[in-house]
């Protein structure tokens, strides 16, 4: 898990939330970058899998069935935790055998 961000403010929020991030800058922001080593780009094959250097095949295809989207937004918002709590509560609801009790 991680995020690519272009704004320093967003990078700051994600950093303090403990989320890995890559701050993407334009070449104008850093005219003389230091490149230690060029990395090879890894791409998925026709079956949407990536073979890692360890030999492990990483499946990049969409989940079937797809995962539910619980929350969209910044990590430091209280709405995130409310959405997570609602989702977990729904997952653990036990249906009654005789219908609703009032």
PDB file of N, CA and C in Angstrom:
ATOM      1  N   UNK A   1       0.838  -1.159   0.000  1.00  0.00           N
ATOM      2  CA  UNK A   1       0.000   0.000   0.000  1.00  0.00           C
ATOM      3  C   UNK A   1       0.887   1.228   0.000  1.00  0.00           C
ATOM      4  N   UNK A   2       0.455   2.238  -0.669  1.00  0.00           N
ATOM      5  CA  UNK A   2       1.184   3.488  -0.724  1.00  0.00           C
ATOM      6  C   UNK A   2       0.491   4.444  -1.662  1.00  0.00           C
ATOM      7  N   UNK A   3       1.037   5.644  -1.771  1.00  0.00           N
ATOM      8  CA  UNK A   3       0.400   6.656  -2.608  1.00  0.00           C
ATOM      9  C   UNK A   3       1.451   7.498  -3.311  1.00  0.00           C
ATOM     10  N   UNK A   4       1.128   7.912  -4.522  1.00  0.00           N
ATOM     11  CA  UNK A   4       1.918   8.889  -5.251  1.00  0.00           C
ATOM     12  C   UNK A   4       1.228  10.235  -5.074  1.00  0.00           C
ATOM     13  N   UNK A   5       1.943  11.237  -4.600  1.00  0.00           N
ATOM     14  CA  UNK A   5       1.348  12.558  -4.390  1.00  0.00           C
ATOM     15  C   UNK A   5       2.226  13.623  -5.022  1.00  0.00           C
ATOM     16  N   UNK A   6       1.597  14.737  -5.382  1.00  0.00           N
ATOM     17  CA  UNK A   6       2.326  15.853  -5.978  1.00  0.00           C
ATOM     18  C   UNK A   6       2.398  17.051  -5.044  1.00  0.00           C
ATOM     19  N   UNK A   7       1.520  17.106  -4.055  1.00  0.00           N
ATOM     20  CA  UNK A   7       1.469  18.252  -3.147  1.00  0.00           C
ATOM     21  C   UNK A   7       2.150  17.903  -1.826  1.00  0.00           C
ATOM     22  N   UNK A   8       2.957  18.834  -1.338  1.00  0.00           N
ATOM     23  CA  UNK A   8       3.695  18.627  -0.095  1.00  0.00           C
ATOM     24  C   UNK A   8       2.732  18.476   1.088  1.00  0.00           C
ATOM     25  N   UNK A   9       1.620  19.219   1.068  1.00  0.00           N
ATOM     26  CA  UNK A   9       0.651  19.138   2.163  1.00  0.00           C
ATOM     27  C   UNK A   9       0.068  17.730   2.269  1.00  0.00           C
ATOM     28  N   UNK A  10      -0.277  17.135   1.118  1.00  0.00           N
ATOM     29  CA  UNK A  10      -0.811  15.772   1.118  1.00  0.00           C
ATOM     30  C   UNK A  10       0.250  14.778   1.582  1.00  0.00           C
ATOM     31  N   UNK A  11       1.483  14.990   1.146  1.00  0.00           N
ATOM     32  CA  UNK A  11       2.580  14.116   1.571  1.00  0.00           C
ATOM     33  C   UNK A  11       2.757  14.181   3.086  1.00  0.00           C
ATOM     34  N   UNK A  12       2.628  15.369   3.655  1.00  0.00           N
ATOM     35  CA  UNK A  12       2.765  15.542   5.097  1.00  0.00           C
ATOM     36  C   UNK A  12       1.683  14.770   5.844  1.00  0.00           C
ATOM     37  N   UNK A  13       0.436  14.864   5.374  1.00  0.00           N
ATOM     38  CA  UNK A  13      -0.662  14.141   6.023  1.00  0.00           C
ATOM     39  C   UNK A  13      -0.445  12.631   5.965  1.00  0.00           C
ATOM     40  N   UNK A  14      -0.072  12.129   4.790  1.00  0.00           N
ATOM     41  CA  UNK A  14       0.134  10.691   4.633  1.00  0.00           C
ATOM     42  C   UNK A  14       1.326  10.207   5.456  1.00  0.00           C
ATOM     43  N   UNK A  15       2.387  11.007   5.483  1.00  0.00           N
ATOM     44  CA  UNK A  15       3.571  10.641   6.266  1.00  0.00           C
ATOM     45  C   UNK A  15       3.221  10.501   7.745  1.00  0.00           C
ATOM     46  N   UNK A  16       2.483  11.464   8.281  1.00  0.00           N
ATOM     47  CA  UNK A  16       2.118  11.419   9.699  1.00  0.00           C
ATOM     48  C   UNK A  16       1.102  10.321   9.990  1.00  0.00           C
ATOM     49  N   UNK A  17       0.373   9.869   8.965  1.00  0.00           N
ATOM     50  CA  UNK A  17      -0.552   8.750   9.141  1.00  0.00           C
ATOM     51  C   UNK A  17       0.170   7.413   9.016  1.00  0.00           C
ATOM     52  N   UNK A  18       1.452   7.447   8.641  1.00  0.00           N
ATOM     53  CA  UNK A  18       2.228   6.217   8.525  1.00  0.00           C
ATOM     54  C   UNK A  18       2.042   5.488   7.210  1.00  0.00           C
ATOM     55  N   UNK A  19       1.542   6.197   6.197  1.00  0.00           N
ATOM     56  CA  UNK A  19       1.311   5.582   4.893  1.00  0.00           C
ATOM     57  C   UNK A  19       2.519   5.847   3.998  1.00  0.00           C
ATOM     58  N   UNK A  20       3.093   4.808   3.387  1.00  0.00           N
ATOM     59  CA  UNK A  20       4.220   5.026   2.479  1.00  0.00           C
ATOM     60  C   UNK A  20       3.800   5.926   1.322  1.00  0.00           C
ATOM     61  N   UNK A  21       4.706   6.789   0.889  1.00  0.00           N
ATOM     62  CA  UNK A  21       4.355   7.694  -0.203  1.00  0.00           C
ATOM     63  C   UNK A  21       5.567   8.009  -1.054  1.00  0.00           C
ATOM     64  N   UNK A  22       5.279   8.443  -2.270  1.00  0.00           N
ATOM     65  CA  UNK A  22       6.283   8.908  -3.207  1.00  0.00           C
ATOM     66  C   UNK A  22       5.874  10.309  -3.613  1.00  0.00           C
ATOM     67  N   UNK A  23       6.712  11.282  -3.306  1.00  0.00           N
ATOM     68  CA  UNK A  23       6.438  12.668  -3.658  1.00  0.00           C
ATOM     69  C   UNK A  23       6.962  12.904  -5.068  1.00  0.00           C
ATOM     70  N   UNK A  24       6.053  13.109  -5.994  1.00  0.00           N
ATOM     71  CA  UNK A  24       6.401  13.287  -7.403  1.00  0.00           C
ATOM     72  C   UNK A  24       6.582  14.776  -7.658  1.00  0.00           C
ATOM     73  N   UNK A  25       7.735  15.142  -8.181  1.00  0.00           N
ATOM     74  CA  UNK A  25       8.041  16.548  -8.460  1.00  0.00           C
ATOM     75  C   UNK A  25       8.366  16.712  -9.933  1.00  0.00           C
ATOM     76  N   UNK A  26       8.166  17.902 -10.449  1.00  0.00           N
ATOM     77  CA  UNK A  26       8.540  18.184 -11.834  1.00  0.00           C
ATOM     78  C   UNK A  26      10.042  18.423 -11.895  1.00  0.00           C
ATOM     79  N   UNK A  27      10.600  18.299 -13.079  1.00  0.00           N
ATOM     80  CA  UNK A  27      12.047  18.502 -13.220  1.00  0.00           C
ATOM     81  C   UNK A  27      12.435  19.947 -12.934  1.00  0.00           C
ATOM     82  N   UNK A  28      11.498  20.872 -13.059  1.00  0.00           N
ATOM     83  CA  UNK A  28      11.780  22.269 -12.741  1.00  0.00           C
ATOM     84  C   UNK A  28      11.991  22.502 -11.254  1.00  0.00           C
ATOM     85  N   UNK A  29      11.388  21.659 -10.413  1.00  0.00           N
ATOM     86  CA  UNK A  29      11.558  21.785  -8.967  1.00  0.00           C
ATOM     87  C   UNK A  29      12.950  21.362  -8.517  1.00  0.00           C
ATOM     88  N   UNK A  30      13.574  20.489  -9.284  1.00  0.00           N
ATOM     89  CA  UNK A  30      14.902  19.981  -8.938  1.00  0.00           C
ATOM     90  C   UNK A  30      15.709  19.858 -10.231  1.00  0.00           C
ATOM     91  N   UNK A  31      16.340  20.941 -10.681  1.00  0.00           N
ATOM     92  CA  UNK A  31      17.000  20.923 -11.994  1.00  0.00           C
ATOM     93  C   UNK A  31      18.225  20.011 -12.082  1.00  0.00           C
ATOM     94  N   UNK A  32      18.871  19.697 -10.976  1.00  0.00           N
ATOM     95  CA  UNK A  32      20.064  18.847 -10.986  1.00  0.00           C
ATOM     96  C   UNK A  32      19.866  17.630 -10.087  1.00  0.00           C
ATOM     97  N   UNK A  33      18.994  16.712 -10.483  1.00  0.00           N
ATOM     98  CA  UNK A  33      18.741  15.561  -9.608  1.00  0.00           C
ATOM     99  C   UNK A  33      19.936  14.612  -9.560  1.00  0.00           C
ATOM    100  N   UNK A  34      20.075  13.926  -8.456  1.00  0.00           N
ATOM    101  CA  UNK A  34      21.120  12.919  -8.307  1.00  0.00           C
ATOM    102  C   UNK A  34      20.493  11.551  -8.549  1.00  0.00           C
ATOM    103  N   UNK A  35      20.978  10.842  -9.542  1.00  0.00           N
ATOM    104  CA  UNK A  35      20.474   9.512  -9.862  1.00  0.00           C
ATOM    105  C   UNK A  35      21.555   8.512  -9.500  1.00  0.00           C
ATOM    106  N   UNK A  36      21.292   7.692  -8.490  1.00  0.00           N
ATOM    107  CA  UNK A  36      22.266   6.695  -8.057  1.00  0.00           C
ATOM    108  C   UNK A  36      22.264   5.475  -8.961  1.00  0.00           C
ATOM    109  N   UNK A  37      21.083   5.067  -9.386  1.00  0.00           N
ATOM    110  CA  UNK A  37      20.976   3.855 -10.181  1.00  0.00           C
ATOM    111  C   UNK A  37      19.652   3.867 -10.931  1.00  0.00           C
ATOM    112  N   UNK A  38      19.689   3.500 -12.196  1.00  0.00           N
ATOM    113  CA  UNK A  38      18.455   3.373 -12.957  1.00  0.00           C
ATOM    114  C   UNK A  38      17.835   2.020 -12.660  1.00  0.00           C
ATOM    115  N   UNK A  39      16.557   2.023 -12.440  1.00  0.00           N
ATOM    116  CA  UNK A  39      15.843   0.782 -12.141  1.00  0.00           C
ATOM    117  C   UNK A  39      15.079   0.328 -13.373  1.00  0.00           C
ATOM    118  N   UNK A  40      14.945  -0.967 -13.510  1.00  0.00           N
ATOM    119  CA  UNK A  40      14.151  -1.488 -14.617  1.00  0.00           C
ATOM    120  C   UNK A  40      12.676  -1.402 -14.243  1.00  0.00           C
ATOM    121  N   UNK A  41      11.877  -1.080 -15.220  1.00  0.00           N
ATOM    122  CA  UNK A  41      10.439  -0.977 -14.996  1.00  0.00           C
ATOM    123  C   UNK A  41       9.846  -2.375 -15.057  1.00  0.00           C
ATOM    124  N   UNK A  42       9.075  -2.721 -14.044  1.00  0.00           N
ATOM    125  CA  UNK A  42       8.418  -4.027 -14.080  1.00  0.00           C
ATOM    126  C   UNK A  42       7.000  -3.823 -14.584  1.00  0.00           C
ATOM    127  N   UNK A  43       6.612  -4.680 -15.485  1.00  0.00           N
ATOM    128  CA  UNK A  43       5.280  -4.591 -16.071  1.00  0.00           C
ATOM    129  C   UNK A  43       4.597  -5.929 -15.952  1.00  0.00           C
ATOM    130  N   UNK A  44       3.283  -5.863 -15.890  1.00  0.00           N
ATOM    131  CA  UNK A  44       2.520  -7.101 -15.835  1.00  0.00           C
ATOM    132  C   UNK A  44       2.464  -7.730 -17.220  1.00  0.00           C
ATOM    133  N   UNK A  45       2.377  -9.044 -17.257  1.00  0.00           N
ATOM    134  CA  UNK A  45       2.286  -9.749 -18.532  1.00  0.00           C
ATOM    135  C   UNK A  45       0.829  -9.797 -18.996  1.00  0.00           C
ATOM    136  N   UNK A  46       0.553 -10.580 -20.029  1.00  0.00           N
ATOM    137  CA  UNK A  46      -0.794 -10.645 -20.594  1.00  0.00           C
ATOM    138  C   UNK A  46      -1.819 -11.189 -19.601  1.00  0.00           C
ATOM    139  N   UNK A  47      -1.378 -11.947 -18.607  1.00  0.00           N
ATOM    140  CA  UNK A  47      -2.304 -12.492 -17.609  1.00  0.00           C
ATOM    141  C   UNK A  47      -2.390 -11.610 -16.363  1.00  0.00           C
ATOM    142  N   UNK A  48      -1.885 -10.383 -16.471  1.00  0.00           N
ATOM    143  CA  UNK A  48      -1.906  -9.389 -15.394  1.00  0.00           C
ATOM    144  C   UNK A  48      -1.167  -9.869 -14.150  1.00  0.00           C
ATOM    145  N   UNK A  49      -0.007 -10.472 -14.372  1.00  0.00           N
ATOM    146  CA  UNK A  49       0.842 -10.911 -13.261  1.00  0.00           C
ATOM    147  C   UNK A  49       2.235 -10.325 -13.427  1.00  0.00           C
ATOM    148  N   UNK A  50       2.872 -10.076 -12.316  1.00  0.00           N
ATOM    149  CA  UNK A  50       4.235  -9.558 -12.299  1.00  0.00           C
ATOM    150  C   UNK A  50       5.100 -10.579 -11.575  1.00  0.00           C
ATOM    151  N   UNK A  51       6.200 -10.974 -12.215  1.00  0.00           N
ATOM    152  CA  UNK A  51       7.124 -11.904 -11.561  1.00  0.00           C
ATOM    153  C   UNK A  51       8.177 -11.087 -10.822  1.00  0.00           C
ATOM    154  N   UNK A  52       8.209 -11.241  -9.505  1.00  0.00           N
ATOM    155  CA  UNK A  52       9.172 -10.521  -8.685  1.00  0.00           C
ATOM    156  C   UNK A  52      10.525 -11.219  -8.726  1.00  0.00           C
ATOM    157  N   UNK A  53      11.567 -10.533  -8.273  1.00  0.00           N
ATOM    158  CA  UNK A  53      12.917 -11.102  -8.326  1.00  0.00           C
ATOM    159  C   UNK A  53      13.043 -12.361  -7.478  1.00  0.00           C
ATOM    160  N   UNK A  54      12.149 -12.548  -6.524  1.00  0.00           N
ATOM    161  CA  UNK A  54      12.173 -13.751  -5.691  1.00  0.00           C
ATOM    162  C   UNK A  54      11.509 -14.938  -6.382  1.00  0.00           C
ATOM    163  N   UNK A  55      10.877 -14.673  -7.537  1.00  0.00           N
ATOM    164  CA  UNK A  55      10.168 -15.720  -8.249  1.00  0.00           C
ATOM    165  C   UNK A  55       8.678 -15.742  -7.953  1.00  0.00           C
ATOM    166  N   UNK A  56       8.257 -14.956  -6.962  1.00  0.00           N
ATOM    167  CA  UNK A  56       6.839 -14.900  -6.590  1.00  0.00           C
ATOM    168  C   UNK A  56       6.049 -14.199  -7.688  1.00  0.00           C
ATOM    169  N   UNK A  57       4.889 -14.757  -8.053  1.00  0.00           N
ATOM    170  CA  UNK A  57       4.010 -14.130  -9.038  1.00  0.00           C
ATOM    171  C   UNK A  57       2.978 -13.278  -8.318  1.00  0.00           C
ATOM    172  N   UNK A  58       2.990 -11.994  -8.592  1.00  0.00           N
ATOM    173  CA  UNK A  58       2.062 -11.053  -7.985  1.00  0.00           C
ATOM    174  C   UNK A  58       0.899 -10.837  -8.939  1.00  0.00           C
ATOM    175  N   UNK A  59      -0.309 -11.164  -8.504  1.00  0.00           N
ATOM    176  CA  UNK A  59      -1.498 -11.035  -9.339  1.00  0.00           C
ATOM    177  C   UNK A  59      -1.994  -9.594  -9.284  1.00  0.00           C
ATOM    178  N   UNK A  60      -2.032  -8.913 -10.435  1.00  0.00           N
ATOM    179  CA  UNK A  60      -2.461  -7.513 -10.508  1.00  0.00           C
ATOM    180  C   UNK A  60      -3.876  -7.366 -11.052  1.00  0.00           C
ATOM    181  N   UNK A  61      -4.549  -8.473 -11.281  1.00  0.00           N
ATOM    182  CA  UNK A  61      -5.905  -8.421 -11.824  1.00  0.00           C
ATOM    183  C   UNK A  61      -6.875  -7.948 -10.745  1.00  0.00           C
ATOM    184  N   UNK A  62      -8.010  -7.448 -11.181  1.00  0.00           N
ATOM    185  CA  UNK A  62      -9.043  -7.033 -10.240  1.00  0.00           C
ATOM    186  C   UNK A  62      -9.573  -8.246  -9.493  1.00  0.00           C
ATOM    187  N   UNK A  63      -9.959  -8.023  -8.246  1.00  0.00           N
ATOM    188  CA  UNK A  63     -10.548  -9.104  -7.457  1.00  0.00           C
ATOM    189  C   UNK A  63     -11.887  -9.522  -8.037  1.00  0.00           C
ATOM    190  N   UNK A  64     -12.177 -10.771  -7.961  1.00  0.00           N
ATOM    191  CA  UNK A  64     -13.491 -11.286  -8.335  1.00  0.00           C
ATOM    192  C   UNK A  64     -14.034 -12.055  -7.154  1.00  0.00           C
ATOM    193  N   UNK A  65     -15.030 -11.681  -6.482  1.00  0.00           N
ATOM    194  CA  UNK A  65     -15.751 -10.420  -6.650  1.00  0.00           C
ATOM    195  C   UNK A  65     -14.917  -9.257  -6.126  1.00  0.00           C
ATOM    196  N   UNK A  66     -15.235  -8.075  -6.584  1.00  0.00           N
ATOM    197  CA  UNK A  66     -14.433  -6.915  -6.201  1.00  0.00           C
ATOM    198  C   UNK A  66     -14.655  -6.573  -4.727  1.00  0.00           C
ATOM    199  N   UNK A  67     -13.663  -5.941  -4.138  1.00  0.00           N
ATOM    200  CA  UNK A  67     -13.772  -5.523  -2.741  1.00  0.00           C
ATOM    201  C   UNK A  67     -14.664  -4.298  -2.629  1.00  0.00           C
ATOM    202  N   UNK A  68     -15.329  -4.182  -1.504  1.00  0.00           N
ATOM    203  CA  UNK A  68     -16.170  -3.019  -1.260  1.00  0.00           C
ATOM    204  C   UNK A  68     -15.299  -1.795  -1.018  1.00  0.00           C
ATOM    205  N   UNK A  69     -15.730  -0.649  -1.519  1.00  0.00           N
ATOM    206  CA  UNK A  69     -15.074   0.614  -1.206  1.00  0.00           C
ATOM    207  C   UNK A  69     -15.737   1.135   0.059  1.00  0.00           C
ATOM    208  N   UNK A  70     -14.967   1.244   1.115  1.00  0.00           N
ATOM    209  CA  UNK A  70     -15.519   1.639   2.409  1.00  0.00           C
ATOM    210  C   UNK A  70     -15.459   3.149   2.591  1.00  0.00           C
ATOM    211  N   UNK A  71     -14.374   3.773   2.142  1.00  0.00           N
ATOM    212  CA  UNK A  71     -14.187   5.204   2.370  1.00  0.00           C
ATOM    213  C   UNK A  71     -13.281   5.765   1.292  1.00  0.00           C
ATOM    214  N   UNK A  72     -13.607   6.946   0.823  1.00  0.00           N
ATOM    215  CA  UNK A  72     -12.747   7.675  -0.109  1.00  0.00           C
ATOM    216  C   UNK A  72     -12.490   9.042   0.510  1.00  0.00           C
ATOM    217  N   UNK A  73     -11.237   9.368   0.706  1.00  0.00           N
ATOM    218  CA  UNK A  73     -10.898  10.660   1.293  1.00  0.00           C
ATOM    219  C   UNK A  73      -9.560  10.593   2.000  1.00  0.00           C
ATOM    220  N   UNK A  74      -9.232  11.669   2.688  1.00  0.00           N
ATOM    221  CA  UNK A  74      -7.959  11.737   3.395  1.00  0.00           C
ATOM    222  C   UNK A  74      -7.983  10.871   4.650  1.00  0.00           C
ATOM    223  N   UNK A  75      -6.820  10.403   5.026  1.00  0.00           N
ATOM    224  CA  UNK A  75      -6.711   9.457   6.138  1.00  0.00           C
ATOM    225  C   UNK A  75      -6.934  10.105   7.498  1.00  0.00           C
ATOM    226  N   UNK A  76      -6.768  11.415   7.607  1.00  0.00           N
ATOM    227  CA  UNK A  76      -6.864  12.052   8.924  1.00  0.00           C
ATOM    228  C   UNK A  76      -8.265  12.559   9.250  1.00  0.00           C
ATOM    229  N   UNK A  77      -9.266  12.152   8.504  1.00  0.00           N
ATOM    230  CA  UNK A  77     -10.640  12.600   8.735  1.00  0.00           C
ATOM    231  C   UNK A  77     -11.384  11.606   9.626  1.00  0.00           C
ATOM    232  N   UNK A  78     -12.220  12.125  10.521  1.00  0.00           N
ATOM    233  CA  UNK A  78     -12.989  11.246  11.401  1.00  0.00           C
ATOM    234  C   UNK A  78     -14.019  10.438  10.621  1.00  0.00           C
ATOM    235  N   UNK A  79     -14.427  10.939   9.460  1.00  0.00           N
ATOM    236  CA  UNK A  79     -15.389  10.202   8.638  1.00  0.00           C
ATOM    237  C   UNK A  79     -14.836   8.838   8.232  1.00  0.00           C
ATOM    238  N   UNK A  80     -13.522   8.741   8.114  1.00  0.00           N
ATOM    239  CA  UNK A  80     -12.886   7.470   7.758  1.00  0.00           C
ATOM    240  C   UNK A  80     -13.197   6.407   8.809  1.00  0.00           C
ATOM    241  N   UNK A  81     -13.015   6.769  10.065  1.00  0.00           N
ATOM    242  CA  UNK A  81     -13.240   5.813  11.142  1.00  0.00           C
ATOM    243  C   UNK A  81     -14.721   5.488  11.303  1.00  0.00           C
ATOM    244  N   UNK A  82     -15.582   6.465  11.061  1.00  0.00           N
ATOM    245  CA  UNK A  82     -17.027   6.206  11.110  1.00  0.00           C
ATOM    246  C   UNK A  82     -17.429   5.217  10.029  1.00  0.00           C
ATOM    247  N   UNK A  83     -16.887   5.404   8.828  1.00  0.00           N
ATOM    248  CA  UNK A  83     -17.200   4.493   7.722  1.00  0.00           C
ATOM    249  C   UNK A  83     -16.679   3.091   8.011  1.00  0.00           C
ATOM    250  N   UNK A  84     -15.483   2.996   8.594  1.00  0.00           N
ATOM    251  CA  UNK A  84     -14.929   1.686   8.932  1.00  0.00           C
ATOM    252  C   UNK A  84     -15.783   0.997   9.995  1.00  0.00           C
ATOM    253  N   UNK A  85     -16.232   1.750  10.990  1.00  0.00           N
ATOM    254  CA  UNK A  85     -17.056   1.176  12.058  1.00  0.00           C
ATOM    255  C   UNK A  85     -18.391   0.682  11.509  1.00  0.00           C
ATOM    256  N   UNK A  86     -19.018   1.469  10.615  1.00  0.00           N
ATOM    257  CA  UNK A  86     -20.285   1.039  10.011  1.00  0.00           C
ATOM    258  C   UNK A  86     -20.096  -0.245   9.220  1.00  0.00           C
ATOM    259  N   UNK A  87     -19.012  -0.311   8.456  1.00  0.00           N
ATOM    260  CA  UNK A  87     -18.756  -1.488   7.632  1.00  0.00           C
ATOM    261  C   UNK A  87     -18.561  -2.735   8.501  1.00  0.00           C
ATOM    262  N   UNK A  88     -17.757  -2.608   9.538  1.00  0.00           N
ATOM    263  CA  UNK A  88     -17.501  -3.752  10.423  1.00  0.00           C
ATOM    264  C   UNK A  88     -18.783  -4.169  11.137  1.00  0.00           C
ATOM    265  N   UNK A  89     -19.583  -3.200  11.568  1.00  0.00           N
ATOM    266  CA  UNK A  89     -20.835  -3.516  12.250  1.00  0.00           C
ATOM    267  C   UNK A  89     -21.764  -4.304  11.329  1.00  0.00           C
ATOM    268  N   UNK A  90     -21.849  -3.912  10.077  1.00  0.00           N
ATOM    269  CA  UNK A  90     -22.698  -4.623   9.110  1.00  0.00           C
ATOM    270  C   UNK A  90     -22.175  -6.039   8.887  1.00  0.00           C
ATOM    271  N   UNK A  91     -20.854  -6.203   8.826  1.00  0.00           N
ATOM    272  CA  UNK A  91     -20.272  -7.523   8.584  1.00  0.00           C
ATOM    273  C   UNK A  91     -20.567  -8.499   9.720  1.00  0.00           C
ATOM    274  N   UNK A  92     -20.672  -7.987  10.942  1.00  0.00           N
ATOM    275  CA  UNK A  92     -20.856  -8.862  12.098  1.00  0.00           C
ATOM    276  C   UNK A  92     -22.293  -8.921  12.608  1.00  0.00           C
ATOM    277  N   UNK A  93     -23.224  -8.349  11.870  1.00  0.00           N
ATOM    278  CA  UNK A  93     -24.623  -8.459  12.277  1.00  0.00           C
ATOM    279  C   UNK A  93     -25.084  -9.899  12.105  1.00  0.00           C
ATOM    280  N   UNK A  94     -25.752 -10.403  13.105  1.00  0.00           N
ATOM    281  CA  UNK A  94     -26.266 -11.772  13.056  1.00  0.00           C
ATOM    282  C   UNK A  94     -27.765 -11.696  12.806  1.00  0.00           C
ATOM    283  N   UNK A  95     -28.226 -12.284  11.714  1.00  0.00           N
ATOM    284  CA  UNK A  95     -29.666 -12.227  11.451  1.00  0.00           C
ATOM    285  C   UNK A  95     -30.424 -13.060  12.484  1.00  0.00           C
ATOM    286  N   UNK A  96     -31.588 -12.570  12.874  1.00  0.00           N
ATOM    287  CA  UNK A  96     -32.406 -13.323  13.822  1.00  0.00           C
ATOM    288  C   UNK A  96     -33.213 -14.366  13.069  1.00  0.00           C
ATOM    289  N   UNK A  97     -33.514 -15.450  13.731  1.00  0.00           N
ATOM    290  CA  UNK A  97     -34.251 -16.536  13.092  1.00  0.00           C
ATOM    291  C   UNK A  97     -35.732 -16.225  12.936  1.00  0.00           C
ATOM    292  N   UNK A  98     -36.268 -15.375  13.818  1.00  0.00           N
ATOM    293  CA  UNK A  98     -37.705 -15.143  13.827  1.00  0.00           C
ATOM    294  C   UNK A  98     -38.074 -13.734  13.381  1.00  0.00           C
ATOM    295  N   UNK A  99     -37.214 -13.074  12.649  1.00  0.00           N
ATOM    296  CA  UNK A  99     -37.509 -11.717  12.190  1.00  0.00           C
ATOM    297  C   UNK A  99     -37.058 -10.685  13.208  1.00  0.00           C
ATOM    298  N   UNK A 100     -37.449  -9.458  12.972  1.00  0.00           N
ATOM    299  CA  UNK A 100     -37.020  -8.360  13.840  1.00  0.00           C
ATOM    300  C   UNK A 100     -37.758  -8.390  15.168  1.00  0.00           C
ATOM    301  N   UNK A 101     -37.043  -8.099  16.212  1.00  0.00           N
ATOM    302  CA  UNK A 101     -37.685  -7.961  17.519  1.00  0.00           C
ATOM    303  C   UNK A 101     -37.759  -6.480  17.851  1.00  0.00           C
ATOM    304  N   UNK A 102     -38.895  -6.026  18.277  1.00  0.00           N
ATOM    305  CA  UNK A 102     -39.115  -4.602  18.562  1.00  0.00           C
ATOM    306  C   UNK A 102     -38.925  -4.340  20.029  1.00  0.00           C
TER     307      UNK A 102
END
